[in-house]
Amino acid sequence: MEITVHIPDEVAASIQAGNSELSKRLLEAYALDAYRSGELTSHQVGQLLGFESPMETDAFLKQHGAYIEYTEAEIDAQRRALQDAIRAR
């Protein structure tokens, strides 16, 4: 999907003078906002921004103060999986 955004000429001139990657910054800002509001999952953020691994997505989110929120059930499941892996050694 391609989206067009109208920016007044006066504002566009100052934006263009200071940043050549405006499209990328707008996409990142949208991804962060949508993640924080629950509209996008971390996986979807990674897809939207073209990241190749979940670790890259996690690093991006952490860098911008958007930490992944886990439910209690998810934490319990991860704890059990870790315990099972330790026992299997």
N, C-alpha and C. Protein backbone atom coordinates (compact mmCIF):
# COMPACT_ATOMS: atom_id res chain seq x y z
N MET A 1 0.84 -1.16 0.00
CA MET A 1 0.00 0.00 0.00
C MET A 1 0.89 1.23 0.00
N GLU A 2 0.48 2.21 -0.73
CA GLU A 2 1.20 3.47 -0.74
C GLU A 2 0.26 4.54 -0.21
N ILE A 3 0.77 5.40 0.68
CA ILE A 3 -0.04 6.45 1.29
C ILE A 3 0.58 7.79 0.96
N THR A 4 -0.26 8.75 0.63
CA THR A 4 0.20 10.10 0.35
C THR A 4 -0.25 11.00 1.48
N VAL A 5 0.67 11.85 1.95
CA VAL A 5 0.38 12.77 3.04
C VAL A 5 0.60 14.19 2.53
N HIS A 6 -0.38 15.06 2.77
CA HIS A 6 -0.23 16.46 2.37
C HIS A 6 0.40 17.24 3.52
N ILE A 7 1.50 17.92 3.20
CA ILE A 7 2.21 18.75 4.18
C ILE A 7 2.29 20.15 3.59
N PRO A 8 1.88 21.17 4.35
CA PRO A 8 1.96 22.54 3.83
C PRO A 8 3.38 22.88 3.37
N ASP A 9 3.47 23.68 2.31
CA ASP A 9 4.77 24.02 1.72
C ASP A 9 5.75 24.61 2.72
N GLU A 10 5.27 25.47 3.61
CA GLU A 10 6.16 26.11 4.59
C GLU A 10 6.78 25.07 5.52
N VAL A 11 5.99 24.12 5.92
CA VAL A 11 6.48 23.06 6.81
C VAL A 11 7.38 22.11 6.02
N ALA A 12 6.98 21.76 4.83
CA ALA A 12 7.75 20.84 4.00
C ALA A 12 9.16 21.36 3.74
N ALA A 13 9.29 22.66 3.53
CA ALA A 13 10.61 23.24 3.27
C ALA A 13 11.55 23.02 4.45
N SER A 14 11.06 23.22 5.66
CA SER A 14 11.93 23.04 6.83
C SER A 14 12.20 21.57 7.09
N ILE A 15 11.24 20.72 6.79
CA ILE A 15 11.43 19.27 6.98
C ILE A 15 12.48 18.76 5.98
N GLN A 16 12.34 19.13 4.73
CA GLN A 16 13.26 18.66 3.70
C GLN A 16 14.67 19.14 3.95
N ALA A 17 14.81 20.34 4.49
CA ALA A 17 16.14 20.88 4.74
C ALA A 17 16.86 20.09 5.82
N GLY A 18 16.10 19.52 6.76
CA GLY A 18 16.74 18.85 7.87
C GLY A 18 16.75 17.33 7.80
N ASN A 19 16.05 16.76 6.84
CA ASN A 19 15.96 15.30 6.85
C ASN A 19 15.67 14.75 5.46
N SER A 20 16.54 13.86 5.02
CA SER A 20 16.34 13.26 3.70
C SER A 20 15.57 11.94 3.80
N GLU A 21 15.34 11.44 5.01
CA GLU A 21 14.65 10.16 5.18
C GLU A 21 13.30 10.34 5.87
N LEU A 22 12.53 11.31 5.41
CA LEU A 22 11.25 11.62 6.03
C LEU A 22 10.29 10.44 5.96
N SER A 23 10.23 9.75 4.83
CA SER A 23 9.31 8.62 4.70
C SER A 23 9.61 7.55 5.74
N LYS A 24 10.88 7.25 5.93
CA LYS A 24 11.28 6.25 6.92
C LYS A 24 10.89 6.69 8.33
N ARG A 25 11.15 7.95 8.65
CA ARG A 25 10.82 8.45 9.99
C ARG A 25 9.32 8.43 10.24
N LEU A 26 8.53 8.79 9.24
CA LEU A 26 7.08 8.76 9.39
C LEU A 26 6.59 7.33 9.59
N LEU A 27 7.14 6.39 8.85
CA LEU A 27 6.76 4.99 8.98
C LEU A 27 7.13 4.45 10.35
N GLU A 28 8.32 4.79 10.83
CA GLU A 28 8.74 4.36 12.17
C GLU A 28 7.85 4.95 13.25
N ALA A 29 7.51 6.24 13.11
CA ALA A 29 6.65 6.90 14.09
C ALA A 29 5.27 6.23 14.12
N TYR A 30 4.75 5.91 12.93
CA TYR A 30 3.46 5.21 12.87
C TYR A 30 3.56 3.85 13.53
N ALA A 31 4.61 3.11 13.22
CA ALA A 31 4.78 1.76 13.77
C ALA A 31 4.86 1.80 15.30
N LEU A 32 5.59 2.76 15.85
CA LEU A 32 5.70 2.89 17.30
C LEU A 32 4.36 3.23 17.93
N ASP A 33 3.66 4.17 17.34
CA ASP A 33 2.36 4.57 17.87
C ASP A 33 1.36 3.42 17.80
N ALA A 34 1.34 2.73 16.68
CA ALA A 34 0.41 1.61 16.51
C ALA A 34 0.75 0.45 17.45
N TYR A 35 2.04 0.24 17.71
CA TYR A 35 2.45 -0.80 18.65
C TYR A 35 2.01 -0.45 20.06
N ARG A 36 2.28 0.79 20.45
CA ARG A 36 1.91 1.24 21.80
C ARG A 36 0.41 1.20 22.04
N SER A 37 -0.38 1.44 21.00
CA SER A 37 -1.83 1.44 21.16
C SER A 37 -2.43 0.04 21.00
N GLY A 38 -1.59 -0.93 20.63
CA GLY A 38 -2.07 -2.29 20.48
C GLY A 38 -2.61 -2.62 19.10
N GLU A 39 -2.50 -1.69 18.17
CA GLU A 39 -2.97 -1.94 16.80
C GLU A 39 -2.07 -2.90 16.05
N LEU A 40 -0.77 -2.88 16.37
CA LEU A 40 0.19 -3.77 15.73
C LEU A 40 0.91 -4.59 16.78
N THR A 41 1.24 -5.81 16.42
CA THR A 41 2.08 -6.65 17.26
C THR A 41 3.55 -6.35 16.95
N SER A 42 4.45 -6.84 17.79
CA SER A 42 5.87 -6.62 17.51
C SER A 42 6.25 -7.29 16.18
N HIS A 43 5.65 -8.44 15.89
CA HIS A 43 5.92 -9.11 14.62
C HIS A 43 5.50 -8.22 13.44
N GLN A 44 4.33 -7.60 13.54
CA GLN A 44 3.86 -6.73 12.47
C GLN A 44 4.75 -5.49 12.33
N VAL A 45 5.24 -4.97 13.45
CA VAL A 45 6.17 -3.83 13.39
C VAL A 45 7.41 -4.24 12.60
N GLY A 46 7.94 -5.41 12.89
CA GLY A 46 9.11 -5.90 12.16
C GLY A 46 8.85 -6.05 10.67
N GLN A 47 7.68 -6.56 10.33
CA GLN A 47 7.33 -6.70 8.92
C GLN A 47 7.22 -5.34 8.25
N LEU A 48 6.53 -4.42 8.92
CA LEU A 48 6.31 -3.08 8.37
C LEU A 48 7.63 -2.36 8.11
N LEU A 49 8.57 -2.52 9.02
CA LEU A 49 9.84 -1.79 8.90
C LEU A 49 10.93 -2.59 8.18
N GLY A 50 10.61 -3.81 7.76
CA GLY A 50 11.55 -4.61 6.98
C GLY A 50 12.68 -5.22 7.78
N PHE A 51 12.45 -5.45 9.08
CA PHE A 51 13.48 -6.07 9.90
C PHE A 51 13.56 -7.55 9.58
N GLU A 52 14.75 -8.11 9.70
CA GLU A 52 14.97 -9.50 9.32
C GLU A 52 14.86 -10.47 10.49
N SER A 53 14.84 -9.96 11.72
CA SER A 53 14.76 -10.86 12.86
C SER A 53 13.95 -10.21 13.99
N PRO A 54 13.38 -11.05 14.85
CA PRO A 54 12.67 -10.51 16.01
C PRO A 54 13.59 -9.70 16.92
N MET A 55 14.86 -10.06 16.98
CA MET A 55 15.81 -9.32 17.82
C MET A 55 15.98 -7.89 17.30
N GLU A 56 15.98 -7.72 16.01
CA GLU A 56 16.09 -6.39 15.42
C GLU A 56 14.87 -5.55 15.78
N THR A 57 13.70 -6.18 15.74
CA THR A 57 12.46 -5.48 16.12
C THR A 57 12.50 -5.11 17.59
N ASP A 58 12.89 -6.06 18.44
CA ASP A 58 12.98 -5.80 19.88
C ASP A 58 13.92 -4.64 20.16
N ALA A 59 15.06 -4.61 19.48
CA ALA A 59 16.04 -3.54 19.68
C ALA A 59 15.45 -2.19 19.28
N PHE A 60 14.74 -2.16 18.16
CA PHE A 60 14.09 -0.92 17.71
C PHE A 60 13.08 -0.44 18.73
N LEU A 61 12.24 -1.35 19.22
CA LEU A 61 11.21 -0.97 20.19
C LEU A 61 11.85 -0.47 21.49
N LYS A 62 12.86 -1.17 21.96
CA LYS A 62 13.54 -0.77 23.20
C LYS A 62 14.22 0.59 23.03
N GLN A 63 14.85 0.80 21.89
CA GLN A 63 15.53 2.06 21.62
C GLN A 63 14.56 3.24 21.72
N HIS A 64 13.30 2.98 21.41
CA HIS A 64 12.29 4.04 21.43
C HIS A 64 11.38 3.96 22.65
N GLY A 65 11.78 3.18 23.64
CA GLY A 65 11.02 3.11 24.89
C GLY A 65 9.68 2.42 24.77
N ALA A 66 9.52 1.57 23.77
CA ALA A 66 8.27 0.83 23.57
C ALA A 66 8.54 -0.64 23.89
N TYR A 67 8.51 -0.95 25.16
CA TYR A 67 8.86 -2.29 25.60
C TYR A 67 7.73 -3.27 25.36
N ILE A 68 8.10 -4.50 25.05
CA ILE A 68 7.13 -5.56 24.81
C ILE A 68 6.46 -5.90 26.12
N GLU A 69 5.14 -5.91 26.10
CA GLU A 69 4.38 -6.25 27.30
C GLU A 69 3.89 -7.69 27.18
N TYR A 70 4.25 -8.48 28.16
CA TYR A 70 3.84 -9.87 28.18
C TYR A 70 2.70 -10.04 29.18
N THR A 71 1.78 -10.94 28.86
CA THR A 71 0.74 -11.28 29.82
C THR A 71 1.33 -12.25 30.84
N GLU A 72 0.65 -12.40 31.93
CA GLU A 72 1.11 -13.33 32.96
C GLU A 72 1.17 -14.76 32.40
N ALA A 73 0.20 -15.11 31.56
CA ALA A 73 0.18 -16.45 30.96
C ALA A 73 1.39 -16.66 30.05
N GLU A 74 1.79 -15.63 29.29
CA GLU A 74 2.95 -15.74 28.41
C GLU A 74 4.23 -15.91 29.22
N ILE A 75 4.33 -15.18 30.32
CA ILE A 75 5.51 -15.30 31.18
C ILE A 75 5.58 -16.69 31.79
N ASP A 76 4.44 -17.21 32.26
CA ASP A 76 4.40 -18.56 32.82
C ASP A 76 4.80 -19.60 31.78
N ALA A 77 4.31 -19.44 30.55
CA ALA A 77 4.64 -20.39 29.49
C ALA A 77 6.13 -20.36 29.19
N GLN A 78 6.73 -19.18 29.16
CA GLN A 78 8.16 -19.07 28.90
C GLN A 78 8.97 -19.67 30.05
N ARG A 79 8.50 -19.45 31.26
CA ARG A 79 9.19 -20.01 32.43
C ARG A 79 9.16 -21.53 32.37
N ARG A 80 7.99 -22.11 32.06
CA ARG A 80 7.87 -23.58 31.96
C ARG A 80 8.76 -24.13 30.85
N ALA A 81 8.80 -23.45 29.72
CA ALA A 81 9.64 -23.90 28.60
C ALA A 81 11.11 -23.86 28.98
N LEU A 82 11.51 -22.83 29.69
CA LEU A 82 12.90 -22.73 30.15
C LEU A 82 13.23 -23.84 31.14
N GLN A 83 12.32 -24.10 32.07
CA GLN A 83 12.53 -25.17 33.04
C GLN A 83 12.64 -26.54 32.34
N ASP A 84 11.78 -26.76 31.36
CA ASP A 84 11.82 -28.01 30.61
C ASP A 84 13.14 -28.16 29.85
N ALA A 85 13.61 -27.07 29.29
CA ALA A 85 14.88 -27.12 28.56
C ALA A 85 16.04 -27.41 29.50
N ILE A 86 15.99 -26.86 30.68
CA ILE A 86 17.06 -27.11 31.68
C ILE A 86 17.02 -28.57 32.12
N ARG A 87 15.84 -29.10 32.35
CA ARG A 87 15.71 -30.50 32.77
C ARG A 87 16.17 -31.47 31.68
N ALA A 88 15.98 -31.09 30.44
CA ALA A 88 16.32 -31.97 29.31
C ALA A 88 17.83 -32.10 29.10
N ARG A 89 18.60 -31.25 29.71
CA ARG A 89 20.06 -31.32 29.54
C ARG A 89 20.61 -32.51 30.15
